[in-house]
Amino acid sequence: AYSTANPYGLINYFVARGNEGGVDFRRARFVQVDGNITSNLEVGETRHVFKAGVEMRFMTLSRHFNANPWDGSPFYDVYGSDYGGNLYLKVNPELPYTQVAKEQSEKPYTPITGGLFVQDQIMFKGLVFTPGLRFDYLSTDALYRTQYDRFYPYGSDVGFARADPKLYVSPRMTITYPITERQNVRLAYGIYYMAPPFAEFYDSFNAVQLRGSQVLGNPNLEMQRTNQYEVSYNHQLNDDLALTATGFYKDIYNQSGLAFVRITPIPFNQRVLSDYGTARGVELTLQKRTSDNWGFNLNYTLQSATGTANNSGTAAAIDPQTEQPALPIEPFPLGFDRRHRFNAVVNFEWNEGEGPRIGGIPFMERFSVNFSGFWQTGLPYTPVDGRGQAAGQLNSARFPSNWNSELRIIRTIPLSGVFGGNTSMDIFLDFFNLLNYTGAIAFFPRTGSPDNDGFALLRQPGDFPATAYFKTGDPGRKETFSTAQYDRVGRRLYNERVDFNRDGIQTPDETYRGYQEYVATVVSLRGNYQDPRSVYFGVRFRF
């Protein structure tokens, strides 16, 4: 990156050669066995639909990560023998754990997951009762850390134990109660389990030494659990029109987070599942099925999602007074907390011989026209100051509301007379952002502006080197041969593109002018704005 070989003559803004970062290779293989069965039984006026299923997945996971391959002591994480195995851990005969760590780190992880469910849908005089039960199984087949009084390197005789397989039971129940022939109420309750990404179990778990702010995996994590409650009212207003109102509430346990482990000399963060969140909301839907050549679907959702951890990679800031993590006192809006969203779809369809006519010709026959769009409020974010430090409560501000509109027009041409069967050809036009709304949909947390990030786009002349770069060396001027004139491979840092007066010298003022052109280019790309209208044409054949 130490090069001016770019249109703006800037150093450390563009990569000119070499490797910008490290390598991160992953491989996941699995064998899955699954099956299900459905059986119907009628007893008098009662009908039963029994369903059962099972799934087992046997996985083999490996990783080869090296953040800085050019470094003699790189930051790495290896499990499995793929990609050369653990090339970085040097075995020290005086430290027996290094031999164990090397051997074990070159073995892949082999977790096993499984699921079994049974369900009985009971129907009696319009009443539908569906009890069910699901069993989830998780085996990480690995060790985990048990002691945190100090850091125990992977391979040590103490501080580790094998994680036990885990079994989870989740009952579920749904009741649909008819009020009239066109109205019913539906009640649902269920417990749902989901395993975190396996990277949170295994990545950097087998560390033999710590680096600053390192995050260690935890193979003894539990599954994430959600308790979900739902009630809905369904009313078929007539043969074509239906209204649905749904209320939902979710308790979310075992959210991914980080636990700060304060040990000397280097503290670290440990993956844990201890955070909690809730999501609640109301959803209203008015739908007209396509009849008389048109239909629509209108949907509005009001929801709130709060919790004690925004995501699994965010560590709590350290309180300067207590030197302990400054955990939130109360739940805050989560990153996906979108309070309002309205969706609308309107479609028109005309079959053969249908649609408006001109001179007796149905010019819209076999046409389909679909309008869709949405309006939504912005997602939350945390304001930061000029140094990038949080300047307010977590997720206390919001990005702007935004909306979009789309249109698809399809003309179907039957080809059965040529190719036989149901062959046809669809010619379609897709319009994205039909009404060409190009307002801001996000902005920079430092400034609240969609154009100025308050940092990389707000540099001052004093932030750049005060060095003038020369096109050629002058034997009478030793500064034209100084090491400051060259990059790491011996090329001059002079850039003719930003030598605006073409005198063979790139002055600091010209360097700053090149930076101003860079800022203008970035702002003109409008990365925080909605993309302008775009139109796509396509042809699709159906056989």
Protein backbone atom coordinates (compact mmCIF):
# COMPACT_ATOMS: atom_id res chain seq x y z
CA ALA A 1 0.00 0.00 0.00
CA TYR A 2 3.03 2.31 0.36
CA SER A 3 2.80 3.58 -3.21
CA THR A 4 1.40 6.53 -5.15
CA ALA A 5 0.56 4.41 -8.22
CA ASN A 6 -3.06 5.52 -8.32
CA PRO A 7 -5.01 8.32 -10.07
CA TYR A 8 -4.76 10.59 -7.01
CA GLY A 9 -1.14 10.15 -5.99
CA LEU A 10 -2.13 9.07 -2.46
CA ILE A 11 -0.12 6.85 -0.13
CA ASN A 12 -1.84 4.07 1.87
CA TYR A 13 -5.17 4.54 0.11
CA PHE A 14 -4.81 1.93 -2.65
CA VAL A 15 -3.00 -1.38 -2.95
CA ALA A 16 -0.44 -1.30 -5.73
CA ARG A 17 1.23 -4.69 -5.36
CA GLY A 18 1.72 -7.59 -3.01
CA ASN A 19 -0.80 -9.16 -0.70
CA GLU A 20 -3.26 -6.78 0.93
CA GLY A 21 -4.17 -9.22 3.70
CA GLY A 22 -3.81 -12.79 4.82
CA VAL A 23 -5.43 -16.05 3.81
CA ASP A 24 -8.45 -17.78 5.29
CA PHE A 25 -9.27 -21.17 3.77
CA ARG A 26 -12.17 -23.21 5.09
CA ARG A 27 -13.48 -26.61 4.09
CA ALA A 28 -16.70 -28.21 5.28
CA ARG A 29 -17.81 -31.69 4.33
CA PHE A 30 -20.76 -33.61 5.66
CA VAL A 31 -22.78 -36.76 5.32
CA GLN A 32 -26.49 -36.46 6.01
CA VAL A 33 -29.09 -39.10 6.66
CA ASP A 34 -32.72 -38.04 6.84
CA GLY A 35 -36.23 -39.28 6.30
CA ASN A 36 -39.86 -38.56 7.14
CA ILE A 37 -43.21 -40.30 7.17
CA THR A 38 -46.82 -39.12 6.99
CA SER A 39 -49.89 -41.16 7.94
CA ASN A 40 -53.62 -40.35 7.90
CA LEU A 41 -56.18 -41.81 10.27
CA GLU A 42 -59.91 -41.10 10.59
CA VAL A 43 -61.84 -42.02 13.73
CA GLY A 44 -65.48 -41.00 13.50
CA GLU A 45 -65.57 -37.25 12.85
CA THR A 46 -61.95 -36.83 13.89
CA ARG A 47 -59.09 -36.92 11.42
CA HIS A 48 -55.43 -37.33 12.37
CA VAL A 49 -52.44 -36.53 10.20
CA PHE A 50 -49.33 -37.99 11.81
CA LYS A 51 -45.93 -36.75 10.74
CA ALA A 52 -42.49 -37.79 11.92
CA GLY A 53 -39.00 -37.18 10.68
CA VAL A 54 -35.35 -37.63 11.55
CA GLU A 55 -32.11 -36.02 10.39
CA MET A 56 -28.47 -36.70 11.28
CA ARG A 57 -25.53 -34.76 9.91
CA PHE A 58 -21.89 -35.81 10.37
CA MET A 59 -19.50 -32.97 9.56
CA THR A 60 -15.79 -32.55 9.01
CA LEU A 61 -14.54 -28.96 9.40
CA SER A 62 -11.09 -27.56 8.74
CA ARG A 63 -9.53 -24.11 8.55
CA HIS A 64 -6.20 -22.57 7.60
CA PHE A 65 -5.98 -18.90 8.55
CA ASN A 66 -2.92 -16.66 8.49
CA ALA A 67 -3.52 -12.94 8.91
CA ASN A 68 0.02 -11.85 8.01
CA PRO A 69 1.97 -14.51 6.06
CA TRP A 70 4.96 -12.18 5.63
CA ASP A 71 5.52 -12.07 9.39
CA GLY A 72 7.84 -14.52 11.06
CA SER A 73 5.39 -14.79 13.95
CA PRO A 74 1.99 -14.50 12.25
CA PHE A 75 -1.45 -14.44 13.77
CA TYR A 76 -2.87 -17.79 12.69
CA ASP A 77 -5.57 -20.35 13.36
CA VAL A 78 -5.35 -23.88 12.01
CA TYR A 79 -7.46 -26.96 12.51
CA GLY A 80 -7.24 -29.86 10.10
CA SER A 81 -4.48 -31.04 7.78
CA ASP A 82 -5.85 -29.35 4.68
CA TYR A 83 -3.66 -26.68 3.05
CA GLY A 84 -0.49 -28.01 4.64
CA GLY A 85 -1.61 -28.41 8.24
CA ASN A 86 -0.20 -26.32 11.09
CA LEU A 87 2.92 -24.85 9.52
CA TYR A 88 3.43 -22.22 12.19
CA LEU A 89 3.57 -23.92 15.56
CA LYS A 90 7.14 -24.76 16.44
CA VAL A 91 7.47 -27.76 18.75
CA ASN A 92 9.60 -27.03 21.81
CA PRO A 93 10.87 -30.17 23.59
CA GLU A 94 10.92 -28.24 26.86
CA LEU A 95 7.20 -27.44 26.47
CA PRO A 96 5.41 -30.79 25.99
CA TYR A 97 2.07 -29.12 25.29
CA THR A 98 3.44 -27.76 21.99
CA GLN A 99 3.80 -31.29 20.60
CA VAL A 100 0.26 -32.17 21.71
CA ALA A 101 -1.10 -28.89 20.32
CA LYS A 102 0.52 -29.41 16.93
CA GLU A 103 -0.77 -32.97 16.61
CA GLN A 104 -4.29 -32.10 17.73
CA SER A 105 -4.52 -28.90 15.67
CA GLU A 106 -3.85 -30.89 12.51
CA LYS A 107 -6.99 -32.94 13.07
CA PRO A 108 -10.28 -31.58 11.74
CA TYR A 109 -13.27 -31.02 14.00
CA THR A 110 -16.07 -33.54 13.55
CA PRO A 111 -19.31 -32.20 15.06
CA ILE A 112 -22.57 -34.12 14.81
CA THR A 113 -26.04 -32.59 14.76
CA GLY A 114 -29.36 -34.36 14.74
CA GLY A 115 -33.06 -33.79 14.93
CA LEU A 116 -36.17 -35.87 15.50
CA PHE A 117 -39.75 -34.59 15.39
CA VAL A 118 -43.24 -36.03 15.82
CA GLN A 119 -46.48 -34.19 15.13
CA ASP A 120 -50.18 -34.98 15.12
CA GLN A 121 -52.61 -32.67 13.34
CA ILE A 122 -56.06 -33.32 14.81
CA MET A 123 -59.09 -31.95 12.92
CA PHE A 124 -62.58 -32.06 14.43
CA LYS A 125 -65.53 -29.98 13.18
CA GLY A 126 -63.37 -27.10 12.01
CA LEU A 127 -61.13 -27.14 15.07
CA VAL A 128 -57.50 -27.90 14.23
CA PHE A 129 -55.16 -28.87 17.07
CA THR A 130 -51.53 -29.61 16.21
CA PRO A 131 -49.28 -30.75 19.06
CA GLY A 132 -45.68 -31.60 18.27
CA LEU A 133 -42.37 -32.41 19.86
CA ARG A 134 -38.85 -31.99 18.52
CA PHE A 135 -35.54 -33.30 19.82
CA ASP A 136 -32.27 -31.63 18.83
CA TYR A 137 -28.85 -33.19 19.34
CA LEU A 138 -25.47 -31.47 19.28
CA SER A 139 -22.04 -32.98 19.77
CA THR A 140 -19.00 -30.77 19.15
CA ASP A 141 -16.58 -33.67 19.79
CA ALA A 142 -13.93 -31.36 21.23
CA LEU A 143 -12.32 -30.07 24.41
CA TYR A 144 -13.25 -26.77 26.01
CA ARG A 145 -11.64 -24.45 28.54
CA THR A 146 -12.68 -24.91 32.16
CA GLN A 147 -10.35 -22.57 34.06
CA TYR A 148 -9.84 -18.84 33.59
CA ASP A 149 -7.52 -17.89 36.45
CA ARG A 150 -4.81 -17.64 33.81
CA PHE A 151 -4.33 -18.57 30.18
CA TYR A 152 -3.84 -22.29 29.61
CA PRO A 153 -2.23 -23.03 26.22
CA TYR A 154 -3.95 -25.59 24.06
CA GLY A 155 -2.40 -29.00 24.70
CA SER A 156 -1.95 -28.43 28.45
CA ASP A 157 -2.75 -31.24 30.88
CA VAL A 158 -4.99 -28.98 32.98
CA GLY A 159 -7.62 -26.35 32.23
CA PHE A 160 -9.54 -28.43 29.68
CA ALA A 161 -12.32 -31.01 29.62
CA ARG A 162 -14.29 -32.75 26.89
CA ALA A 163 -17.61 -31.18 25.98
CA ASP A 164 -20.55 -33.48 26.61
CA PRO A 165 -23.14 -34.06 23.87
CA LYS A 166 -26.28 -32.01 24.39
CA LEU A 167 -29.92 -32.95 23.90
CA TYR A 168 -32.72 -30.39 23.68
CA VAL A 169 -36.47 -30.96 23.85
CA SER A 170 -38.80 -28.39 22.29
CA PRO A 171 -42.59 -28.77 22.51
CA ARG A 172 -44.76 -26.97 19.97
CA MET A 173 -48.49 -26.48 19.70
CA THR A 174 -50.92 -24.79 17.32
CA ILE A 175 -54.68 -24.39 17.73
CA THR A 176 -56.95 -23.02 15.00
CA TYR A 177 -60.42 -22.28 16.33
CA PRO A 178 -63.25 -21.45 13.90
CA ILE A 179 -65.53 -18.53 14.78
CA THR A 180 -67.65 -18.70 11.64
CA GLU A 181 -67.20 -20.33 8.27
CA ARG A 182 -65.12 -17.32 7.19
CA GLN A 183 -63.34 -16.44 10.45
CA ASN A 184 -60.91 -18.22 12.73
CA VAL A 185 -58.40 -17.54 15.46
CA ARG A 186 -55.02 -19.23 15.50
CA LEU A 187 -52.85 -19.65 18.61
CA ALA A 188 -49.30 -20.97 18.41
CA TYR A 189 -46.53 -21.63 20.87
CA GLY A 190 -43.17 -23.23 20.31
CA ILE A 191 -39.61 -23.55 21.50
CA TYR A 192 -36.97 -23.44 18.77
CA TYR A 193 -33.28 -24.28 19.03
CA MET A 194 -30.55 -23.28 16.61
CA ALA A 195 -26.84 -23.98 16.80
CA PRO A 196 -24.55 -20.93 16.50
CA PRO A 197 -22.16 -20.84 13.51
CA PHE A 198 -19.49 -23.46 14.04
CA ALA A 199 -16.83 -20.77 13.69
CA GLU A 200 -17.91 -19.58 17.15
CA PHE A 201 -17.24 -23.05 18.55
CA TYR A 202 -13.84 -23.67 17.04
CA ASP A 203 -12.09 -20.56 15.68
CA SER A 204 -8.94 -19.74 17.69
CA PHE A 205 -9.89 -22.21 20.41
CA ASN A 206 -6.61 -24.12 20.01
CA ALA A 207 -4.45 -21.04 20.72
CA VAL A 208 -1.10 -21.69 22.40
CA GLN A 209 -0.32 -18.00 22.91
CA LEU A 210 -2.43 -14.86 23.15
CA ARG A 211 -2.48 -11.74 21.03
CA GLY A 212 -4.13 -8.49 22.07
CA SER A 213 -7.95 -8.52 22.02
CA GLN A 214 -8.00 -12.12 20.80
CA VAL A 215 -11.37 -13.92 20.68
CA LEU A 216 -11.26 -17.63 21.58
CA GLY A 217 -13.84 -20.12 20.42
CA ASN A 218 -15.82 -22.20 22.85
CA PRO A 219 -16.78 -25.79 21.87
CA ASN A 220 -19.04 -26.02 24.92
CA LEU A 221 -21.55 -23.43 23.69
CA GLU A 222 -25.23 -24.20 24.06
CA MET A 223 -27.76 -23.90 21.28
CA GLN A 224 -29.58 -20.60 20.93
CA ARG A 225 -33.16 -20.85 22.15
CA THR A 226 -36.27 -18.92 21.11
CA ASN A 227 -39.64 -19.13 22.88
CA GLN A 228 -42.22 -17.95 20.38
CA TYR A 229 -45.84 -16.98 21.00
CA GLU A 230 -48.24 -16.02 18.22
CA VAL A 231 -51.92 -15.22 17.90
CA SER A 232 -53.64 -14.40 14.62
CA TYR A 233 -57.13 -13.55 13.43
CA ASN A 234 -58.13 -14.52 9.90
CA HIS A 235 -61.26 -13.18 8.22
CA GLN A 236 -62.28 -14.02 4.67
CA LEU A 237 -64.35 -10.93 3.85
CA ASN A 238 -65.71 -12.38 0.62
CA ASP A 239 -64.71 -14.92 -2.01
CA ASP A 240 -61.75 -12.80 -3.10
CA LEU A 241 -60.76 -10.64 -0.14
CA ALA A 242 -59.11 -11.71 3.14
CA LEU A 243 -57.79 -9.90 6.21
CA THR A 244 -55.20 -11.26 8.62
CA ALA A 245 -54.00 -9.70 11.88
CA THR A 246 -51.09 -11.35 13.70
CA GLY A 247 -49.40 -10.55 16.98
CA PHE A 248 -46.11 -12.19 17.94
CA TYR A 249 -43.70 -12.22 20.85
CA LYS A 250 -40.29 -13.90 21.05
CA ASP A 251 -37.97 -14.48 23.98
CA ILE A 252 -34.47 -15.08 22.62
CA TYR A 253 -32.07 -16.82 25.01
CA ASN A 254 -28.40 -17.74 24.60
CA GLN A 255 -27.61 -14.99 22.14
CA SER A 256 -24.01 -14.94 20.97
CA GLY A 257 -21.73 -12.58 22.82
CA LEU A 258 -18.24 -12.13 24.25
CA ALA A 259 -17.06 -12.47 27.84
CA PHE A 260 -14.03 -10.40 28.80
CA VAL A 261 -11.45 -12.49 30.69
CA ARG A 262 -9.18 -10.17 32.68
CA ILE A 263 -5.89 -11.96 33.20
CA THR A 264 -2.33 -10.71 33.08
CA PRO A 265 -0.38 -9.92 31.08
CA ILE A 266 -2.79 -10.27 28.13
CA PRO A 267 -6.56 -10.45 28.65
CA PHE A 268 -8.79 -12.07 26.04
CA ASN A 269 -12.41 -12.50 25.02
CA GLN A 270 -14.26 -15.81 25.25
CA ARG A 271 -17.24 -16.79 23.12
CA VAL A 272 -20.33 -17.24 25.30
CA LEU A 273 -24.08 -17.57 24.87
CA SER A 274 -25.42 -15.55 27.74
CA ASP A 275 -27.19 -12.57 26.24
CA TYR A 276 -30.92 -12.11 25.99
CA GLY A 277 -33.30 -10.40 23.62
CA THR A 278 -36.98 -9.98 22.83
CA ALA A 279 -38.89 -9.28 19.65
CA ARG A 280 -42.54 -8.32 19.56
CA GLY A 281 -44.82 -6.92 16.95
CA VAL A 282 -48.07 -6.81 15.02
CA GLU A 283 -48.57 -7.64 11.36
CA LEU A 284 -51.62 -6.70 9.29
CA THR A 285 -52.31 -8.14 5.83
CA LEU A 286 -55.12 -7.36 3.38
CA GLN A 287 -55.08 -9.59 0.33
CA LYS A 288 -57.20 -9.93 -2.78
CA ARG A 289 -56.65 -13.01 -4.88
CA THR A 290 -56.29 -12.43 -8.59
CA SER A 291 -59.80 -12.28 -10.01
CA ASP A 292 -61.34 -10.09 -12.69
CA ASN A 293 -57.77 -9.71 -13.97
CA TRP A 294 -56.31 -8.04 -10.88
CA GLY A 295 -55.28 -8.63 -7.28
CA PHE A 296 -53.21 -7.10 -4.50
CA ASN A 297 -51.43 -7.78 -1.23
CA LEU A 298 -50.95 -5.02 1.36
CA ASN A 299 -48.88 -5.70 4.46
CA TYR A 300 -47.82 -3.57 7.43
CA THR A 301 -45.51 -4.67 10.24
CA LEU A 302 -44.87 -2.86 13.52
CA GLN A 303 -42.17 -4.47 15.63
CA SER A 304 -39.59 -3.89 18.33
CA ALA A 305 -36.45 -5.97 18.91
CA THR A 306 -34.29 -5.30 21.96
CA GLY A 307 -31.51 -7.20 23.67
CA THR A 308 -28.26 -7.07 25.60
CA ALA A 309 -25.86 -7.89 22.72
CA ASN A 310 -25.89 -6.49 19.21
CA ASN A 311 -23.92 -9.30 17.58
CA SER A 312 -21.46 -12.03 18.44
CA GLY A 313 -18.43 -9.96 17.45
CA THR A 314 -19.05 -6.91 19.61
CA ALA A 315 -17.20 -6.69 22.90
CA ALA A 316 -18.32 -4.36 25.66
CA ALA A 317 -16.20 -1.23 26.14
CA ILE A 318 -13.96 -1.09 29.21
CA ASP A 319 -15.07 1.32 31.93
CA PRO A 320 -12.05 3.58 32.68
CA GLN A 321 -13.04 3.80 36.37
CA THR A 322 -13.57 0.12 37.18
CA GLU A 323 -11.47 -1.36 34.34
CA GLN A 324 -14.33 -3.81 33.87
CA PRO A 325 -16.59 -4.27 30.83
CA ALA A 326 -19.21 -1.51 30.70
CA LEU A 327 -22.16 -3.77 30.12
CA PRO A 328 -25.51 -2.22 29.17
CA ILE A 329 -27.72 -1.53 32.16
CA GLU A 330 -30.85 -2.32 30.20
CA PRO A 331 -31.70 -3.82 26.78
CA PHE A 332 -31.18 -1.62 23.76
CA PRO A 333 -32.52 -1.78 20.17
CA LEU A 334 -30.85 -4.59 18.24
CA GLY A 335 -29.26 -4.07 14.84
CA PHE A 336 -32.28 -5.56 13.01
CA ASP A 337 -34.87 -3.50 14.93
CA ARG A 338 -36.88 -2.00 12.09
CA ARG A 339 -39.96 -0.43 13.70
CA HIS A 340 -42.19 0.08 10.66
CA ARG A 341 -42.40 -1.55 7.24
CA PHE A 342 -45.17 -1.36 4.65
CA ASN A 343 -45.22 -3.62 1.58
CA ALA A 344 -47.59 -3.40 -1.38
CA VAL A 345 -48.02 -5.62 -4.42
CA VAL A 346 -50.59 -4.97 -7.16
CA ASN A 347 -50.80 -7.26 -10.16
CA PHE A 348 -52.81 -7.37 -13.37
CA GLU A 349 -53.14 -10.47 -15.55
CA TRP A 350 -54.90 -10.99 -18.86
CA ASN A 351 -55.22 -14.39 -20.49
CA GLU A 352 -55.91 -15.16 -24.12
CA GLY A 353 -58.69 -12.98 -25.53
CA GLU A 354 -58.87 -10.80 -22.38
CA GLY A 355 -58.02 -7.19 -21.65
CA PRO A 356 -58.80 -3.81 -23.17
CA ARG A 357 -59.33 -3.68 -26.92
CA ILE A 358 -58.49 -1.34 -29.76
CA GLY A 359 -60.41 -2.01 -32.96
CA GLY A 360 -61.63 -5.26 -31.44
CA ILE A 361 -58.09 -6.49 -30.81
CA PRO A 362 -57.25 -7.40 -27.16
CA PHE A 363 -53.78 -5.83 -27.24
CA MET A 364 -53.09 -6.75 -23.57
CA GLU A 365 -53.86 -10.47 -23.87
CA ARG A 366 -51.26 -12.75 -22.28
CA PHE A 367 -49.79 -9.74 -20.46
CA SER A 368 -48.88 -9.68 -16.77
CA VAL A 369 -48.09 -6.40 -15.02
CA ASN A 370 -46.81 -6.41 -11.45
CA PHE A 371 -46.21 -3.31 -9.30
CA SER A 372 -44.45 -3.70 -5.95
CA GLY A 373 -42.89 -1.41 -3.41
CA PHE A 374 -42.09 -0.83 0.23
CA TRP A 375 -41.54 1.93 2.75
CA GLN A 376 -39.53 1.27 5.89
CA THR A 377 -37.94 3.08 8.79
CA GLY A 378 -34.19 3.00 9.24
CA LEU A 379 -32.16 0.56 11.30
CA PRO A 380 -30.41 1.68 14.52
CA TYR A 381 -26.72 2.47 14.87
CA THR A 382 -24.38 3.76 17.56
CA PRO A 383 -23.06 7.34 17.10
CA VAL A 384 -19.28 7.67 17.44
CA ASP A 385 -16.96 10.61 17.95
CA GLY A 386 -13.99 11.64 15.82
CA ARG A 387 -11.83 8.91 17.34
CA GLY A 388 -14.35 6.21 16.55
CA GLN A 389 -15.42 5.82 20.20
CA ALA A 390 -19.10 5.46 21.10
CA ALA A 391 -20.58 8.92 21.67
CA GLY A 392 -23.96 7.78 22.96
CA GLN A 393 -25.96 4.77 24.04
CA LEU A 394 -25.73 1.63 21.95
CA ASN A 395 -27.95 1.88 18.86
CA SER A 396 -29.42 5.16 20.10
CA ALA A 397 -29.68 6.73 16.62
CA ARG A 398 -31.28 5.56 13.39
CA PHE A 399 -30.55 5.64 9.71
CA PRO A 400 -33.12 7.45 7.57
CA SER A 401 -36.37 5.93 6.40
CA ASN A 402 -36.42 4.85 2.76
CA TRP A 403 -38.69 3.40 0.12
CA ASN A 404 -38.49 1.67 -3.24
CA SER A 405 -40.74 0.71 -6.15
CA GLU A 406 -40.49 -1.94 -8.85
CA LEU A 407 -42.39 -2.92 -11.99
CA ARG A 408 -42.33 -6.12 -14.04
CA ILE A 409 -44.10 -6.48 -17.38
CA ILE A 410 -44.33 -9.92 -19.00
CA ARG A 411 -45.72 -10.85 -22.40
CA THR A 412 -46.21 -14.59 -22.90
CA ILE A 413 -46.07 -15.96 -26.46
CA PRO A 414 -47.32 -19.55 -26.81
CA LEU A 415 -45.10 -21.80 -28.93
CA SER A 416 -47.04 -25.04 -28.63
CA GLY A 417 -47.93 -24.82 -32.30
CA VAL A 418 -44.23 -24.93 -33.16
CA PHE A 419 -42.67 -27.17 -30.52
CA GLY A 420 -45.76 -28.88 -29.08
CA GLY A 421 -46.70 -29.37 -25.41
CA ASN A 422 -46.92 -26.30 -23.20
CA THR A 423 -43.93 -24.54 -24.75
CA SER A 424 -43.98 -20.76 -24.48
CA MET A 425 -41.70 -17.74 -24.47
CA ASP A 426 -41.81 -14.89 -21.93
CA ILE A 427 -40.53 -11.46 -22.92
CA PHE A 428 -40.14 -9.28 -19.82
CA LEU A 429 -39.05 -5.86 -18.67
CA ASP A 430 -37.92 -5.26 -15.07
CA PHE A 431 -37.83 -1.74 -13.64
CA PHE A 432 -35.97 -1.36 -10.35
CA ASN A 433 -36.50 1.86 -8.40
CA LEU A 434 -39.30 2.74 -10.82
CA LEU A 435 -39.97 6.19 -9.33
CA ASN A 436 -36.22 6.90 -9.17
CA TYR A 437 -36.01 7.68 -5.45
CA THR A 438 -32.33 8.41 -4.83
CA GLY A 439 -32.36 9.74 -1.28
CA ALA A 440 -29.92 8.72 1.45
CA ILE A 441 -30.51 5.28 2.98
CA ALA A 442 -27.55 5.41 5.39
CA PHE A 443 -24.90 7.78 6.66
CA PHE A 444 -21.63 7.82 8.51
CA PRO A 445 -21.92 7.35 12.31
CA ARG A 446 -19.27 10.01 13.02
CA THR A 447 -21.11 12.84 11.27
CA GLY A 448 -24.69 11.81 10.52
CA SER A 449 -23.94 12.79 6.91
CA PRO A 450 -24.26 10.50 3.87
CA ASP A 451 -21.28 12.21 2.19
CA ASN A 452 -18.69 13.04 4.85
CA ASP A 453 -17.33 10.29 7.09
CA GLY A 454 -15.56 12.80 9.35
CA PHE A 455 -12.26 10.94 9.00
CA ALA A 456 -10.87 9.64 5.68
CA LEU A 457 -12.87 12.23 3.73
CA LEU A 458 -12.01 15.15 6.02
CA ARG A 459 -8.22 15.22 6.00
CA GLN A 460 -6.32 18.49 6.27
CA PRO A 461 -3.08 19.46 4.42
CA GLY A 462 -1.09 18.80 7.60
CA ASP A 463 -2.21 15.15 7.55
CA PHE A 464 -0.09 14.46 4.45
CA PRO A 465 3.71 14.23 4.11
CA ALA A 466 5.42 17.61 3.71
CA THR A 467 7.74 15.98 1.19
CA ALA A 468 7.96 17.09 -2.44
CA TYR A 469 8.40 14.16 -4.86
CA PHE A 470 10.72 14.57 -7.85
CA LYS A 471 10.29 12.98 -11.25
CA THR A 472 14.04 12.52 -11.73
CA GLY A 473 17.11 12.88 -9.60
CA ASP A 474 19.29 15.98 -9.74
CA PRO A 475 22.96 15.41 -8.80
CA GLY A 476 23.03 18.92 -7.41
CA ARG A 477 20.12 18.29 -5.02
CA LYS A 478 20.58 15.42 -2.62
CA GLU A 479 16.91 15.51 -1.51
CA THR A 480 15.95 14.20 -4.97
CA PHE A 481 17.71 10.91 -4.10
CA SER A 482 16.58 10.53 -0.47
CA THR A 483 14.82 7.35 0.64
CA ALA A 484 11.60 9.37 1.03
CA GLN A 485 11.44 9.56 -2.78
CA TYR A 486 10.97 5.80 -3.26
CA ASP A 487 8.49 3.08 -2.34
CA ARG A 488 9.48 -0.33 -0.98
CA VAL A 489 10.44 -1.73 -4.37
CA GLY A 490 12.52 1.24 -5.42
CA ARG A 491 10.01 3.10 -7.57
CA ARG A 492 9.73 6.85 -7.30
CA LEU A 493 6.70 8.17 -5.45
CA TYR A 494 6.35 11.02 -7.94
CA ASN A 495 3.00 10.74 -9.77
CA GLU A 496 2.68 12.65 -13.04
CA ARG A 497 -1.11 12.59 -12.73
CA VAL A 498 -1.04 15.00 -9.76
CA ASP A 499 1.86 17.13 -11.00
CA PHE A 500 -0.70 19.65 -12.15
CA ASN A 501 1.77 22.28 -13.44
CA ARG A 502 3.95 19.61 -15.11
CA ASP A 503 7.20 20.95 -13.68
CA GLY A 504 8.51 17.52 -12.63
CA ILE A 505 7.85 18.15 -8.93
CA GLN A 506 4.83 16.90 -7.01
CA THR A 507 4.48 19.44 -4.23
CA PRO A 508 2.55 18.90 -0.95
CA ASP A 509 -0.09 21.31 -2.24
CA GLU A 510 -0.51 19.19 -5.37
CA THR A 511 -0.70 16.04 -3.23
CA TYR A 512 -3.52 17.61 -1.24
CA ARG A 513 -5.27 18.65 -4.45
CA GLY A 514 -5.10 15.00 -5.57
CA TYR A 515 -6.71 14.05 -2.26
CA GLN A 516 -9.50 16.56 -2.87
CA GLU A 517 -10.16 14.92 -6.25
CA TYR A 518 -10.31 11.55 -4.47
CA VAL A 519 -12.89 12.92 -2.03
CA ALA A 520 -14.95 14.32 -4.91
CA THR A 521 -14.88 10.92 -6.62
CA VAL A 522 -15.97 9.05 -3.49
CA VAL A 523 -18.81 11.49 -2.84
CA SER A 524 -19.94 11.29 -6.48
CA LEU A 525 -20.29 7.50 -6.20
CA ARG A 526 -23.11 8.08 -3.68
CA GLY A 527 -22.47 4.88 -1.75
CA ASN A 528 -24.97 5.81 0.99
CA TYR A 529 -27.78 6.60 -1.45
CA GLN A 530 -30.41 4.49 -3.14
CA ASP A 531 -29.33 3.25 -6.57
CA PRO A 532 -31.06 5.13 -9.41
CA ARG A 533 -33.64 3.57 -11.71
CA SER A 534 -32.44 0.61 -13.74
CA VAL A 535 -34.21 -1.35 -16.48
CA TYR A 536 -33.53 -4.94 -17.55
CA PHE A 537 -34.84 -6.75 -20.62
CA GLY A 538 -34.99 -10.51 -20.79
CA VAL A 539 -36.38 -13.51 -22.62
CA ARG A 540 -37.31 -16.79 -20.96
CA PHE A 541 -38.36 -20.05 -22.60
CA ARG A 542 -40.69 -22.55 -20.93
CA PHE A 543 -40.81 -26.19 -21.97
